[in-house]
Amino acid sequence: ALLSSGISSSGVGTLAGDVVLRGFLARRVPVHLRRLVTMTPA
């Protein structure tokens, strides 16, 4: 249950990050690069 929670929500989180960046700044960052940046603190 914990693993399913983490993996499924991480995909949703990446998608939300793309919507935020594209919406507020009208910019798109490759999803692979964005995932690399956002996973660094974790």
Full PDB file with SEQRES, HELIX, SHEET, SSBOND, CRYST1, ORIGX, SCALE, CONECT and MASTER records, all heavy atoms in Angstrom:
SEQRES   1 A   42  ALA LEU LEU SER SER GLY ILE SER SER SER GLY VAL GLY          
SEQRES   2 A   42  THR LEU ALA GLY ASP VAL VAL LEU ARG GLY PHE LEU ALA          
SEQRES   3 A   42  ARG ARG VAL PRO VAL HIS LEU ARG ARG LEU VAL THR MET          
SEQRES   4 A   42  THR PRO ALA                                                  
HELIX    1 AA1 LEU A    2  LEU A   25  1                                  24    
HELIX    2 AA2 VAL A   31  MET A   39  1                                   9    
CRYST1    1.000    1.000    1.000  90.00  90.00  90.00 P 1           1          
ORIGX1      1.000000  0.000000  0.000000        0.00000                         
ORIGX2      0.000000  1.000000  0.000000        0.00000                         
ORIGX3      0.000000  0.000000  1.000000        0.00000                         
SCALE1      1.000000  0.000000  0.000000        0.00000                         
SCALE2      0.000000  1.000000  0.000000        0.00000                         
SCALE3      0.000000  0.000000  1.000000        0.00000                         
ATOM      1  N   ALA A   1       0.830  -1.206   0.000  1.00  0.00           N  
ATOM      2  CA  ALA A   1       0.000   0.000   0.000  1.00  0.00           C  
ATOM      3  C   ALA A   1       0.862   1.252   0.000  1.00  0.00           C  
ATOM      4  O   ALA A   1       0.596   2.216  -0.736  1.00  0.00           O  
ATOM      5  CB  ALA A   1      -0.932  -0.011   1.212  1.00  0.00           C  
ATOM      6  N   LEU A   2       1.921   1.262   0.814  1.00  0.00           N  
ATOM      7  CA  LEU A   2       2.801   2.424   0.891  1.00  0.00           C  
ATOM      8  C   LEU A   2       3.545   2.631  -0.416  1.00  0.00           C  
ATOM      9  O   LEU A   2       3.671   3.765  -0.904  1.00  0.00           O  
ATOM     10  CB  LEU A   2       3.787   2.252   2.048  1.00  0.00           C  
ATOM     11  CG  LEU A   2       4.716   3.432   2.341  1.00  0.00           C  
ATOM     12  CD1 LEU A   2       3.907   4.680   2.673  1.00  0.00           C  
ATOM     13  CD2 LEU A   2       5.646   3.083   3.503  1.00  0.00           C  
ATOM     14  N   LEU A   3       4.035   1.557  -1.023  1.00  0.00           N  
ATOM     15  CA  LEU A   3       4.742   1.671  -2.296  1.00  0.00           C  
ATOM     16  C   LEU A   3       3.805   2.153  -3.404  1.00  0.00           C  
ATOM     17  O   LEU A   3       4.173   3.023  -4.202  1.00  0.00           O  
ATOM     18  CB  LEU A   3       5.353   0.314  -2.666  1.00  0.00           C  
ATOM     19  CG  LEU A   3       6.127   0.255  -3.986  1.00  0.00           C  
ATOM     20  CD1 LEU A   3       7.278   1.234  -3.979  1.00  0.00           C  
ATOM     21  CD2 LEU A   3       6.624  -1.167  -4.254  1.00  0.00           C  
ATOM     22  N   SER A   4       2.602   1.595  -3.467  1.00  0.00           N  
ATOM     23  CA  SER A   4       1.622   2.032  -4.471  1.00  0.00           C  
ATOM     24  C   SER A   4       1.295   3.502  -4.291  1.00  0.00           C  
ATOM     25  O   SER A   4       1.170   4.254  -5.270  1.00  0.00           O  
ATOM     26  CB  SER A   4       0.342   1.203  -4.349  1.00  0.00           C  
ATOM     27  OG  SER A   4       0.604  -0.164  -4.524  1.00  0.00           O  
ATOM     28  N   SER A   5       1.161   3.924  -3.037  1.00  0.00           N  
ATOM     29  CA  SER A   5       0.876   5.324  -2.734  1.00  0.00           C  
ATOM     30  C   SER A   5       1.990   6.227  -3.253  1.00  0.00           C  
ATOM     31  O   SER A   5       1.732   7.248  -3.902  1.00  0.00           O  
ATOM     32  CB  SER A   5       0.709   5.500  -1.223  1.00  0.00           C  
ATOM     33  OG  SER A   5       0.654   6.848  -0.867  1.00  0.00           O  
ATOM     34  N   GLY A   6       3.242   5.860  -2.983  1.00  0.00           N  
ATOM     35  CA  GLY A   6       4.364   6.703  -3.380  1.00  0.00           C  
ATOM     36  C   GLY A   6       4.543   6.791  -4.880  1.00  0.00           C  
ATOM     37  O   GLY A   6       4.737   7.881  -5.438  1.00  0.00           O  
ATOM     38  N   ILE A   7       4.477   5.652  -5.565  1.00  0.00           N  
ATOM     39  CA  ILE A   7       4.733   5.649  -7.011  1.00  0.00           C  
ATOM     40  C   ILE A   7       3.614   6.348  -7.776  1.00  0.00           C  
ATOM     41  O   ILE A   7       3.866   7.180  -8.654  1.00  0.00           O  
ATOM     42  CB  ILE A   7       4.905   4.201  -7.509  1.00  0.00           C  
ATOM     43  CG1 ILE A   7       6.223   3.631  -7.000  1.00  0.00           C  
ATOM     44  CG2 ILE A   7       4.862   4.146  -9.033  1.00  0.00           C  
ATOM     45  CD1 ILE A   7       6.493   2.205  -7.415  1.00  0.00           C  
ATOM     46  N   SER A   8       2.365   6.021  -7.457  1.00  0.00           N  
ATOM     47  CA  SER A   8       1.252   6.630  -8.193  1.00  0.00           C  
ATOM     48  C   SER A   8       1.176   8.130  -7.946  1.00  0.00           C  
ATOM     49  O   SER A   8       0.957   8.919  -8.874  1.00  0.00           O  
ATOM     50  CB  SER A   8      -0.069   5.966  -7.799  1.00  0.00           C  
ATOM     51  OG  SER A   8      -0.302   6.070  -6.408  1.00  0.00           O  
ATOM     52  N   SER A   9       1.374   8.563  -6.701  1.00  0.00           N  
ATOM     53  CA  SER A   9       1.291   9.997  -6.406  1.00  0.00           C  
ATOM     54  C   SER A   9       2.488  10.761  -6.957  1.00  0.00           C  
ATOM     55  O   SER A   9       2.377  11.955  -7.259  1.00  0.00           O  
ATOM     56  CB  SER A   9       1.179  10.223  -4.894  1.00  0.00           C  
ATOM     57  OG  SER A   9       2.295   9.691  -4.213  1.00  0.00           O  
ATOM     58  N   SER A  10       3.647  10.104  -7.122  1.00  0.00           N  
ATOM     59  CA  SER A  10       4.789  10.804  -7.693  1.00  0.00           C  
ATOM     60  C   SER A  10       4.557  11.130  -9.162  1.00  0.00           C  
ATOM     61  O   SER A  10       4.971  12.189  -9.651  1.00  0.00           O  
ATOM     62  CB  SER A  10       6.063   9.968  -7.535  1.00  0.00           C  
ATOM     63  OG  SER A  10       6.001   8.781  -8.305  1.00  0.00           O  
ATOM     64  N   GLY A  11       3.864  10.234  -9.881  1.00  0.00           N  
ATOM     65  CA  GLY A  11       3.506  10.534 -11.261  1.00  0.00           C  
ATOM     66  C   GLY A  11       2.547  11.706 -11.352  1.00  0.00           C  
ATOM     67  O   GLY A  11       2.694  12.603 -12.199  1.00  0.00           O  
ATOM     68  N   VAL A  12       1.561  11.721 -10.461  1.00  0.00           N  
ATOM     69  CA  VAL A  12       0.602  12.826 -10.427  1.00  0.00           C  
ATOM     70  C   VAL A  12       1.306  14.131 -10.056  1.00  0.00           C  
ATOM     71  O   VAL A  12       1.013  15.195 -10.614  1.00  0.00           O  
ATOM     72  CB  VAL A  12      -0.526  12.512  -9.424  1.00  0.00           C  
ATOM     73  CG1 VAL A  12      -1.413  13.735  -9.201  1.00  0.00           C  
ATOM     74  CG2 VAL A  12      -1.368  11.345  -9.917  1.00  0.00           C  
ATOM     75  N   GLY A  13       2.258  14.060  -9.118  1.00  0.00           N  
ATOM     76  CA  GLY A  13       2.994  15.253  -8.715  1.00  0.00           C  
ATOM     77  C   GLY A  13       3.816  15.834  -9.842  1.00  0.00           C  
ATOM     78  O   GLY A  13       3.885  17.065 -10.016  1.00  0.00           O  
ATOM     79  N   THR A  14       4.457  14.983 -10.629  1.00  0.00           N  
ATOM     80  CA  THR A  14       5.237  15.459 -11.770  1.00  0.00           C  
ATOM     81  C   THR A  14       4.338  16.144 -12.786  1.00  0.00           C  
ATOM     82  O   THR A  14       4.673  17.201 -13.334  1.00  0.00           O  
ATOM     83  CB  THR A  14       5.971  14.288 -12.441  1.00  0.00           C  
ATOM     84  OG1 THR A  14       6.849  13.683 -11.497  1.00  0.00           O  
ATOM     85  CG2 THR A  14       6.801  14.764 -13.619  1.00  0.00           C  
ATOM     86  N   LEU A  15       3.183  15.556 -13.043  1.00  0.00           N  
ATOM     87  CA  LEU A  15       2.229  16.143 -13.977  1.00  0.00           C  
ATOM     88  C   LEU A  15       1.741  17.501 -13.474  1.00  0.00           C  
ATOM     89  O   LEU A  15       1.624  18.463 -14.246  1.00  0.00           O  
ATOM     90  CB  LEU A  15       1.047  15.191 -14.155  1.00  0.00           C  
ATOM     91  CG  LEU A  15       0.102  15.441 -15.324  1.00  0.00           C  
ATOM     92  CD1 LEU A  15       0.850  15.422 -16.633  1.00  0.00           C  
ATOM     93  CD2 LEU A  15      -0.997  14.393 -15.326  1.00  0.00           C  
ATOM     94  N   ALA A  16       1.478  17.600 -12.176  1.00  0.00           N  
ATOM     95  CA  ALA A  16       1.037  18.875 -11.597  1.00  0.00           C  
ATOM     96  C   ALA A  16       2.130  19.934 -11.707  1.00  0.00           C  
ATOM     97  O   ALA A  16       1.845  21.107 -11.982  1.00  0.00           O  
ATOM     98  CB  ALA A  16       0.650  18.675 -10.135  1.00  0.00           C  
ATOM     99  N   GLY A  17       3.377  19.539 -11.496  1.00  0.00           N  
ATOM    100  CA  GLY A  17       4.481  20.482 -11.629  1.00  0.00           C  
ATOM    101  C   GLY A  17       4.579  21.054 -13.031  1.00  0.00           C  
ATOM    102  O   GLY A  17       4.865  22.245 -13.212  1.00  0.00           O  
ATOM    103  N   ASP A  18       4.325  20.222 -14.032  1.00  0.00           N  
ATOM    104  CA  ASP A  18       4.345  20.693 -15.415  1.00  0.00           C  
ATOM    105  C   ASP A  18       3.229  21.692 -15.669  1.00  0.00           C  
ATOM    106  O   ASP A  18       3.416  22.711 -16.345  1.00  0.00           O  
ATOM    107  CB  ASP A  18       4.226  19.493 -16.358  1.00  0.00           C  
ATOM    108  CG  ASP A  18       4.296  19.899 -17.819  1.00  0.00           C  
ATOM    109  OD1 ASP A  18       5.307  20.511 -18.218  1.00  0.00           O  
ATOM    110  OD2 ASP A  18       3.343  19.608 -18.572  1.00  0.00           O  
ATOM    111  N   VAL A  19       2.033  21.414 -15.108  1.00  0.00           N  
ATOM    112  CA  VAL A  19       0.895  22.332 -15.263  1.00  0.00           C  
ATOM    113  C   VAL A  19       1.197  23.671 -14.598  1.00  0.00           C  
ATOM    114  O   VAL A  19       0.891  24.741 -15.152  1.00  0.00           O  
ATOM    115  CB  VAL A  19      -0.379  21.706 -14.659  1.00  0.00           C  
ATOM    116  CG1 VAL A  19      -1.511  22.732 -14.576  1.00  0.00           C  
ATOM    117  CG2 VAL A  19      -0.821  20.505 -15.482  1.00  0.00           C  
ATOM    118  N   VAL A  20       1.814  23.647 -13.422  1.00  0.00           N  
ATOM    119  CA  VAL A  20       2.150  24.876 -12.699  1.00  0.00           C  
ATOM    120  C   VAL A  20       3.136  25.727 -13.488  1.00  0.00           C  
ATOM    121  O   VAL A  20       2.934  26.934 -13.674  1.00  0.00           O  
ATOM    122  CB  VAL A  20       2.726  24.522 -11.312  1.00  0.00           C  
ATOM    123  CG1 VAL A  20       3.428  25.727 -10.690  1.00  0.00           C  
ATOM    124  CG2 VAL A  20       1.620  24.035 -10.387  1.00  0.00           C  
ATOM    125  N   LEU A  21       4.210  25.107 -13.966  1.00  0.00           N  
ATOM    126  CA  LEU A  21       5.237  25.860 -14.684  1.00  0.00           C  
ATOM    127  C   LEU A  21       4.705  26.390 -16.006  1.00  0.00           C  
ATOM    128  O   LEU A  21       4.929  27.557 -16.361  1.00  0.00           O  
ATOM    129  CB  LEU A  21       6.456  24.969 -14.923  1.00  0.00           C  
ATOM    130  CG  LEU A  21       7.680  25.647 -15.528  1.00  0.00           C  
ATOM    131  CD1 LEU A  21       8.220  26.707 -14.579  1.00  0.00           C  
ATOM    132  CD2 LEU A  21       8.765  24.625 -15.843  1.00  0.00           C  
ATOM    133  N   ARG A  22       4.000  25.559 -16.736  1.00  0.00           N  
ATOM    134  CA  ARG A  22       3.479  25.969 -18.034  1.00  0.00           C  
ATOM    135  C   ARG A  22       2.397  27.035 -17.879  1.00  0.00           C  
ATOM    136  O   ARG A  22       2.291  27.950 -18.708  1.00  0.00           O  
ATOM    137  CB  ARG A  22       2.914  24.738 -18.755  1.00  0.00           C  
ATOM    138  CG  ARG A  22       2.387  24.981 -20.144  1.00  0.00           C  
ATOM    139  CD  ARG A  22       2.404  23.710 -20.965  1.00  0.00           C  
ATOM    140  NE  ARG A  22       2.018  22.549 -20.165  1.00  0.00           N  
ATOM    141  CZ  ARG A  22       0.810  22.003 -20.184  1.00  0.00           C  
ATOM    142  NH1 ARG A  22      -0.142  22.539 -20.920  1.00  0.00           N  
ATOM    143  NH2 ARG A  22       0.546  20.931 -19.462  1.00  0.00           N  
ATOM    144  N   GLY A  23       1.593  26.928 -16.816  1.00  0.00           N  
ATOM    145  CA  GLY A  23       0.507  27.883 -16.637  1.00  0.00           C  
ATOM    146  C   GLY A  23       0.969  29.232 -16.148  1.00  0.00           C  
ATOM    147  O   GLY A  23       0.633  30.271 -16.734  1.00  0.00           O  
ATOM    148  N   PHE A  24       1.773  29.262 -15.081  1.00  0.00           N  
ATOM    149  CA  PHE A  24       2.202  30.534 -14.507  1.00  0.00           C  
ATOM    150  C   PHE A  24       3.236  31.254 -15.367  1.00  0.00           C  
ATOM    151  O   PHE A  24       3.214  32.482 -15.478  1.00  0.00           O  
ATOM    152  CB  PHE A  24       2.790  30.309 -13.108  1.00  0.00           C  
ATOM    153  CG  PHE A  24       1.753  30.113 -12.036  1.00  0.00           C  
ATOM    154  CD1 PHE A  24       1.632  28.898 -11.378  1.00  0.00           C  
ATOM    155  CD2 PHE A  24       0.887  31.139 -11.683  1.00  0.00           C  
ATOM    156  CE1 PHE A  24       0.687  28.703 -10.384  1.00  0.00           C  
ATOM    157  CE2 PHE A  24      -0.073  30.961 -10.694  1.00  0.00           C  
ATOM    158  CZ  PHE A  24      -0.173  29.742 -10.049  1.00  0.00           C  
ATOM    159  N   LEU A  25       4.152  30.516 -15.976  1.00  0.00           N  
ATOM    160  CA  LEU A  25       5.272  31.139 -16.694  1.00  0.00           C  
ATOM    161  C   LEU A  25       5.245  30.922 -18.202  1.00  0.00           C  
ATOM    162  O   LEU A  25       6.108  31.449 -18.907  1.00  0.00           O  
ATOM    163  CB  LEU A  25       6.602  30.604 -16.143  1.00  0.00           C  
ATOM    164  CG  LEU A  25       6.866  30.828 -14.651  1.00  0.00           C  
ATOM    165  CD1 LEU A  25       8.269  30.355 -14.296  1.00  0.00           C  
ATOM    166  CD2 LEU A  25       6.681  32.288 -14.262  1.00  0.00           C  
ATOM    167  N   ALA A  26       4.285  30.157 -18.696  1.00  0.00           N  
ATOM    168  CA  ALA A  26       4.208  29.858 -20.131  1.00  0.00           C  
ATOM    169  C   ALA A  26       5.490  29.203 -20.625  1.00  0.00           C  
ATOM    170  O   ALA A  26       5.954  29.449 -21.737  1.00  0.00           O  
ATOM    171  CB  ALA A  26       3.917  31.135 -20.935  1.00  0.00           C  
ATOM    172  N   ARG A  27       6.070  28.353 -19.779  1.00  0.00           N  
ATOM    173  CA  ARG A  27       7.292  27.642 -20.149  1.00  0.00           C  
ATOM    174  C   ARG A  27       7.114  26.154 -19.892  1.00  0.00           C  
ATOM    175  O   ARG A  27       6.400  25.759 -18.993  1.00  0.00           O  
ATOM    176  CB  ARG A  27       8.499  28.146 -19.337  1.00  0.00           C  
ATOM    177  CG  ARG A  27       8.836  29.604 -19.615  1.00  0.00           C  
ATOM    178  CD  ARG A  27       9.991  30.037 -18.738  1.00  0.00           C  
ATOM    179  NE  ARG A  27      10.305  31.449 -18.929  1.00  0.00           N  
ATOM    180  CZ  ARG A  27      11.201  32.121 -18.213  1.00  0.00           C  
ATOM    181  NH1 ARG A  27      11.859  31.495 -17.248  1.00  0.00           N  
ATOM    182  NH2 ARG A  27      11.421  33.385 -18.459  1.00  0.00           N  
ATOM    183  N   ARG A  28       7.813  25.379 -20.697  1.00  0.00           N  
ATOM    184  CA  ARG A  28       7.792  23.930 -20.509  1.00  0.00           C  
ATOM    185  C   ARG A  28       9.217  23.440 -20.322  1.00  0.00           C  
ATOM    186  O   ARG A  28      10.112  23.815 -21.065  1.00  0.00           O  
ATOM    187  CB  ARG A  28       7.153  23.221 -21.704  1.00  0.00           C  
ATOM    188  CG  ARG A  28       5.703  23.594 -21.925  1.00  0.00           C  
ATOM    189  CD  ARG A  28       4.990  22.579 -22.770  1.00  0.00           C  
ATOM    190  NE  ARG A  28       4.795  21.321 -22.058  1.00  0.00           N  
ATOM    191  CZ  ARG A  28       3.945  20.380 -22.448  1.00  0.00           C  
ATOM    192  NH1 ARG A  28       3.222  20.548 -23.523  1.00  0.00           N  
ATOM    193  NH2 ARG A  28       3.816  19.272 -21.760  1.00  0.00           N  
ATOM    194  N   VAL A  29       9.396  22.626 -19.310  1.00  0.00           N  
ATOM    195  CA  VAL A  29      10.688  22.004 -19.049  1.00  0.00           C  
ATOM    196  C   VAL A  29      10.516  20.515 -19.298  1.00  0.00           C  
ATOM    197  O   VAL A  29       9.497  19.934 -18.895  1.00  0.00           O  
ATOM    198  CB  VAL A  29      11.125  22.257 -17.583  1.00  0.00           C  
ATOM    199  CG1 VAL A  29      12.404  21.484 -17.270  1.00  0.00           C  
ATOM    200  CG2 VAL A  29      11.346  23.748 -17.363  1.00  0.00           C  
ATOM    201  N   PRO A  30      11.464  19.877 -20.000  1.00  0.00           N  
ATOM    202  CA  PRO A  30      11.343  18.425 -20.207  1.00  0.00           C  
ATOM    203  C   PRO A  30      11.046  17.709 -18.899  1.00  0.00           C  
ATOM    204  O   PRO A  30      11.672  17.978 -17.870  1.00  0.00           O  
ATOM    205  CB  PRO A  30      12.722  18.043 -20.759  1.00  0.00           C  
ATOM    206  CG  PRO A  30      13.205  19.291 -21.434  1.00  0.00           C  
ATOM    207  CD  PRO A  30      12.682  20.422 -20.598  1.00  0.00           C  
ATOM    208  N   VAL A  31      10.059  16.817 -18.933  1.00  0.00           N  
ATOM    209  CA  VAL A  31       9.594  16.191 -17.713  1.00  0.00           C  
ATOM    210  C   VAL A  31      10.714  15.424 -17.010  1.00  0.00           C  
ATOM    211  O   VAL A  31      10.763  15.358 -15.781  1.00  0.00           O  
ATOM    212  CB  VAL A  31       8.393  15.262 -18.021  1.00  0.00           C  
ATOM    213  CG1 VAL A  31       8.819  14.073 -18.839  1.00  0.00           C  
ATOM    214  CG2 VAL A  31       7.698  14.829 -16.751  1.00  0.00           C  
ATOM    215  N   HIS A  32      11.657  14.875 -17.776  1.00  0.00           N  
ATOM    216  CA  HIS A  32      12.774  14.153 -17.175  1.00  0.00           C  
ATOM    217  C   HIS A  32      13.661  15.093 -16.373  1.00  0.00           C  
ATOM    218  O   HIS A  32      14.116  14.758 -15.272  1.00  0.00           O  
ATOM    219  CB  HIS A  32      13.591  13.442 -18.254  1.00  0.00           C  
ATOM    220  CG  HIS A  32      12.804  12.471 -19.065  1.00  0.00           C  
ATOM    221  ND1 HIS A  32      11.992  12.875 -20.103  1.00  0.00           N  
ATOM    222  CD2 HIS A  32      12.673  11.118 -18.977  1.00  0.00           C  
ATOM    223  CE1 HIS A  32      11.409  11.812 -20.638  1.00  0.00           C  
ATOM    224  NE2 HIS A  32      11.802  10.737 -19.976  1.00  0.00           N  
ATOM    225  N   LEU A  33      13.903  16.300 -16.929  1.00  0.00           N  
ATOM    226  CA  LEU A  33      14.721  17.277 -16.221  1.00  0.00           C  
ATOM    227  C   LEU A  33      14.020  17.766 -14.967  1.00  0.00           C  
ATOM    228  O   LEU A  33      14.634  17.913 -13.903  1.00  0.00           O  
ATOM    229  CB  LEU A  33      15.047  18.455 -17.147  1.00  0.00           C  
ATOM    230  CG  LEU A  33      15.847  19.609 -16.532  1.00  0.00           C  
ATOM    231  CD1 LEU A  33      17.195  19.114 -16.026  1.00  0.00           C  
ATOM    232  CD2 LEU A  33      16.039  20.732 -17.548  1.00  0.00           C  
ATOM    233  N   ARG A  34      12.730  18.019 -15.085  1.00  0.00           N  
ATOM    234  CA  ARG A  34      11.980  18.494 -13.921  1.00  0.00           C  
ATOM    235  C   ARG A  34      11.969  17.441 -12.813  1.00  0.00           C  
ATOM    236  O   ARG A  34      12.111  17.759 -11.641  1.00  0.00           O  
ATOM    237  CB  ARG A  34      10.544  18.848 -14.318  1.00  0.00           C  
ATOM    238  CG  ARG A  34       9.746  19.388 -13.137  1.00  0.00           C  
ATOM    239  CD  ARG A  34       8.395  19.890 -13.514  1.00  0.00           C  
ATOM    240  NE  ARG A  34       7.771  20.426 -12.308  1.00  0.00           N  
ATOM    241  CZ  ARG A  34       7.886  21.665 -11.890  1.00  0.00           C  
ATOM    242  NH1 ARG A  34       8.612  22.531 -12.592  1.00  0.00           N  
ATOM    243  NH2 ARG A  34       7.308  22.076 -10.781  1.00  0.00           N  
ATOM    244  N   ARG A  35      11.809  16.189 -13.189  1.00  0.00           N  
ATOM    245  CA  ARG A  35      11.820  15.129 -12.192  1.00  0.00           C  
ATOM    246  C   ARG A  35      13.180  15.033 -11.498  1.00  0.00           C  
ATOM    247  O   ARG A  35      13.269  14.823 -10.291  1.00  0.00           O  
ATOM    248  CB  ARG A  35      11.459  13.807 -12.868  1.00  0.00           C  
ATOM    249  CG  ARG A  35      11.519  12.589 -11.974  1.00  0.00           C  
ATOM    250  CD  ARG A  35      10.844  12.827 -10.652  1.00  0.00           C  
ATOM    251  NE  ARG A  35       9.443  12.576 -10.645  1.00  0.00           N  
ATOM    252  CZ  ARG A  35       8.615  13.066  -9.756  1.00  0.00           C  
ATOM    253  NH1 ARG A  35       9.064  13.873  -8.809  1.00  0.00           N  
ATOM    254  NH2 ARG A  35       7.338  12.806  -9.796  1.00  0.00           N  
ATOM    255  N   LEU A  36      14.249  15.252 -12.257  1.00  0.00           N  
ATOM    256  CA  LEU A  36      15.593  15.221 -11.674  1.00  0.00           C  
ATOM    257  C   LEU A  36      15.762  16.318 -10.630  1.00  0.00           C  
ATOM    258  O   LEU A  36      16.339  16.107  -9.560  1.00  0.00           O  
ATOM    259  CB  LEU A  36      16.644  15.377 -12.771  1.00  0.00           C  
ATOM    260  CG  LEU A  36      18.113  15.361 -12.326  1.00  0.00           C  
ATOM    261  CD1 LEU A  36      18.458  14.014 -11.713  1.00  0.00           C  
ATOM    262  CD2 LEU A  36      19.038  15.674 -13.504  1.00  0.00           C  
ATOM    263  N   VAL A  37      15.223  17.507 -10.935  1.00  0.00           N  
ATOM    264  CA  VAL A  37      15.350  18.644 -10.016  1.00  0.00           C  
ATOM    265  C   VAL A  37      14.509  18.422  -8.762  1.00  0.00           C  
ATOM    266  O   VAL A  37      14.977  18.616  -7.632  1.00  0.00           O  
ATOM    267  CB  VAL A  37      14.936  19.955 -10.719  1.00  0.00           C  
ATOM    268  CG1 VAL A  37      14.869  21.102  -9.721  1.00  0.00           C  
ATOM    269  CG2 VAL A  37      15.916  20.290 -11.831  1.00  0.00           C  
ATOM    270  N   THR A  38      13.262  17.990  -8.934  1.00  0.00           N  
ATOM    271  CA  THR A  38      12.359  17.876  -7.791  1.00  0.00           C  
ATOM    272  C   THR A  38      12.686  16.685  -6.891  1.00  0.00           C  
ATOM    273  O   THR A  38      12.308  16.685  -5.714  1.00  0.00           O  
ATOM    274  CB  THR A  38      10.895  17.756  -8.260  1.00  0.00           C  
ATOM    275  OG1 THR A  38      10.775  16.649  -9.164  1.00  0.00           O  
ATOM    276  CG2 THR A  38      10.456  19.022  -8.976  1.00  0.00           C  
ATOM    277  N   MET A  39      13.392  15.687  -7.417  1.00  0.00           N  
ATOM    278  CA  MET A  39      13.733  14.547  -6.589  1.00  0.00           C  
ATOM    279  C   MET A  39      14.981  14.792  -5.749  1.00  0.00           C  
ATOM    280  O   MET A  39      15.246  14.054  -4.807  1.00  0.00           O  
ATOM    281  CB  MET A  39      13.933  13.295  -7.438  1.00  0.00           C  
ATOM    282  CG  MET A  39      15.173  13.311  -8.307  1.00  0.00           C  
ATOM    283  SD  MET A  39      15.345  11.813  -9.326  1.00  0.00           S  
ATOM    284  CE  MET A  39      15.930  10.647  -8.111  1.00  0.00           C  
ATOM    285  N   THR A  40      15.748  15.844  -6.079  1.00  0.00           N  
ATOM    286  CA  THR A  40      17.013  16.103  -5.380  1.00  0.00           C  
ATOM    287  C   THR A  40      16.839  16.283  -3.877  1.00  0.00           C  
ATOM    288  O   THR A  40      17.569  15.679  -3.086  1.00  0.00           O  
ATOM    289  CB  THR A  40      17.719  17.326  -5.994  1.00  0.00           C  
ATOM    290  OG1 THR A  40      17.973  17.061  -7.384  1.00  0.00           O  
ATOM    291  CG2 THR A  40      19.043  17.600  -5.288  1.00  0.00           C  
ATOM    292  N   PRO A  41      15.895  17.138  -3.395  1.00  0.00           N  
ATOM    293  CA  PRO A  41      15.730  17.271  -1.934  1.00  0.00           C  
ATOM    294  C   PRO A  41      15.390  15.953  -1.253  1.00  0.00           C  
ATOM    295  O   PRO A  41      15.900  15.670  -0.159  1.00  0.00           O  
ATOM    296  CB  PRO A  41      14.572  18.286  -1.802  1.00  0.00           C  
ATOM    297  CG  PRO A  41      14.584  19.045  -3.078  1.00  0.00           C  
ATOM    298  CD  PRO A  41      14.996  18.057  -4.118  1.00  0.00           C  
ATOM    299  N   ALA A  42      14.559  15.129  -1.885  1.00  0.00           N  
ATOM    300  CA  ALA A  42      14.192  13.850  -1.287  1.00  0.00           C  
ATOM    301  C   ALA A  42      15.396  12.916  -1.208  1.00  0.00           C  
ATOM    302  O   ALA A  42      15.611  12.239  -0.194  1.00  0.00           O  
ATOM    303  CB  ALA A  42      13.072  13.196  -2.100  1.00  0.00           C  
TER     304      ALA A  42                                                      
MASTER        0    0    0    2    0    0    0    6  303    1    0    4          
END                                                                             
